[in-house]
C-alpha atoms as a PDB file:
ATOM      1  CA  UNK A   1       1.358 -75.670 -99.146  1.00  0.00           C
ATOM      2  CA  UNK A   2      -2.152 -77.082 -99.224  1.00  0.00           C
ATOM      3  CA  UNK A   3      -4.489 -74.107 -98.909  1.00  0.00           C
ATOM      4  CA  UNK A   4      -7.581 -76.233 -99.607  1.00  0.00           C
ATOM      5  CA  UNK A   5      -8.832 -76.075 -95.964  1.00  0.00           C
ATOM      6  CA  UNK A   6      -9.256 -72.304 -96.410  1.00  0.00           C
ATOM      7  CA  UNK A   7     -12.018 -73.020 -98.961  1.00  0.00           C
ATOM      8  CA  UNK A   8     -14.303 -74.025 -96.094  1.00  0.00           C
ATOM      9  CA  UNK A   9     -13.489 -71.055 -93.816  1.00  0.00           C
ATOM     10  CA  UNK A  10     -16.971 -69.519 -93.538  1.00  0.00           C
ATOM     11  CA  UNK A  11     -15.911 -66.041 -92.390  1.00  0.00           C
ATOM     12  CA  UNK A  12     -12.582 -65.503 -94.157  1.00  0.00           C
ATOM     13  CA  UNK A  13     -12.436 -61.787 -94.971  1.00  0.00           C
ATOM     14  CA  UNK A  14      -8.811 -61.060 -95.779  1.00  0.00           C
ATOM     15  CA  UNK A  15      -5.832 -63.298 -96.326  1.00  0.00           C
ATOM     16  CA  UNK A  16      -2.230 -62.152 -96.033  1.00  0.00           C
ATOM     17  CA  UNK A  17       0.367 -64.578 -97.369  1.00  0.00           C
ATOM     18  CA  UNK A  18       3.638 -62.912 -96.407  1.00  0.00           C
ATOM     19  CA  UNK A  19       7.225 -63.942 -97.142  1.00  0.00           C
ATOM     20  CA  UNK A  20       6.189 -67.046 -99.080  1.00  0.00           C
ATOM     21  CA  UNK A  21       8.497 -67.379-102.103  1.00  0.00           C
ATOM     22  CA  UNK A  22       7.478 -71.039-102.429  1.00  0.00           C
ATOM     23  CA  UNK A  23       3.911 -70.121-103.501  1.00  0.00           C
ATOM     24  CA  UNK A  24       2.943 -71.136-107.008  1.00  0.00           C
ATOM     25  CA  UNK A  25      -0.269 -70.644-108.934  1.00  0.00           C
ATOM     26  CA  UNK A  26      -1.430 -74.202-108.257  1.00  0.00           C
ATOM     27  CA  UNK A  27      -1.286 -73.493-104.499  1.00  0.00           C
ATOM     28  CA  UNK A  28      -3.477 -70.401-104.798  1.00  0.00           C
ATOM     29  CA  UNK A  29      -5.912 -71.616-107.452  1.00  0.00           C
ATOM     30  CA  UNK A  30      -8.022 -73.334-104.765  1.00  0.00           C
ATOM     31  CA  UNK A  31      -8.931 -69.874-103.423  1.00  0.00           C
ATOM     32  CA  UNK A  32     -10.591 -68.746-106.657  1.00  0.00           C
ATOM     33  CA  UNK A  33     -14.200 -67.714-106.089  1.00  0.00           C
ATOM     34  CA  UNK A  34     -14.045 -68.095-102.315  1.00  0.00           C
ATOM     35  CA  UNK A  35     -17.541 -67.164-101.087  1.00  0.00           C
ATOM     36  CA  UNK A  36     -16.470 -64.633 -98.418  1.00  0.00           C
ATOM     37  CA  UNK A  37     -12.928 -63.566 -99.353  1.00  0.00           C
ATOM     38  CA  UNK A  38     -12.818 -60.038-100.836  1.00  0.00           C
ATOM     39  CA  UNK A  39      -9.125 -59.273-100.255  1.00  0.00           C
ATOM     40  CA  UNK A  40      -5.839 -61.084-100.688  1.00  0.00           C
ATOM     41  CA  UNK A  41      -2.226 -59.995-100.264  1.00  0.00           C
ATOM     42  CA  UNK A  42       0.479 -62.226-101.670  1.00  0.00           C
ATOM     43  CA  UNK A  43       4.159 -61.867-100.814  1.00  0.00           C
ATOM     44  CA  UNK A  44       6.317 -64.153-102.935  1.00  0.00           C
ATOM     45  CA  UNK A  45       9.312 -61.871-103.243  1.00  0.00           C
ATOM     46  CA  UNK A  46       8.379 -61.053-106.842  1.00  0.00           C
ATOM     47  CA  UNK A  47       6.072 -58.103-107.485  1.00  0.00           C
ATOM     48  CA  UNK A  48       5.337 -59.437-110.975  1.00  0.00           C
ATOM     49  CA  UNK A  49       4.307 -62.847-109.618  1.00  0.00           C
ATOM     50  CA  UNK A  50       2.290 -61.274-106.774  1.00  0.00           C
ATOM     51  CA  UNK A  51       0.375 -59.068-109.228  1.00  0.00           C
ATOM     52  CA  UNK A  52      -0.184 -61.970-111.614  1.00  0.00           C
ATOM     53  CA  UNK A  53      -1.610 -64.205-108.892  1.00  0.00           C
ATOM     54  CA  UNK A  54      -3.929 -61.489-107.550  1.00  0.00           C
ATOM     55  CA  UNK A  55      -5.129 -60.631-111.061  1.00  0.00           C
ATOM     56  CA  UNK A  56      -5.816 -64.273-111.881  1.00  0.00           C
ATOM     57  CA  UNK A  57      -7.794 -64.677-108.668  1.00  0.00           C
ATOM     58  CA  UNK A  58      -9.574 -61.327-109.052  1.00  0.00           C
ATOM     59  CA  UNK A  59      -9.011 -60.127-105.515  1.00  0.00           C
ATOM     60  CA  UNK A  60      -8.243 -56.611-104.345  1.00  0.00           C
ATOM     61  CA  UNK A  61      -5.590 -55.684-101.794  1.00  0.00           C
ATOM     62  CA  UNK A  62      -6.916 -55.956 -98.238  1.00  0.00           C
ATOM     63  CA  UNK A  63      -7.430 -52.636 -96.483  1.00  0.00           C
ATOM     64  CA  UNK A  64      -4.440 -51.317 -94.534  1.00  0.00           C
ATOM     65  CA  UNK A  65      -4.205 -52.300 -90.900  1.00  0.00           C
ATOM     66  CA  UNK A  66      -4.942 -49.546 -88.417  1.00  0.00           C
END
């Protein structure tokens, strides 16, 4: 659950965390203010928790896949 290595990903554009009910705020907090990450999708199994995490981080939904 350590997402800290993603902080140093120089070209991270979108992150999809799917089917991850174990995610908690402290796991995601390390991604706040990532220099290249504009979009994040979180799938914890709880829409309320997903929306809360995205709002706290300030990221938009990634664009739909083509």
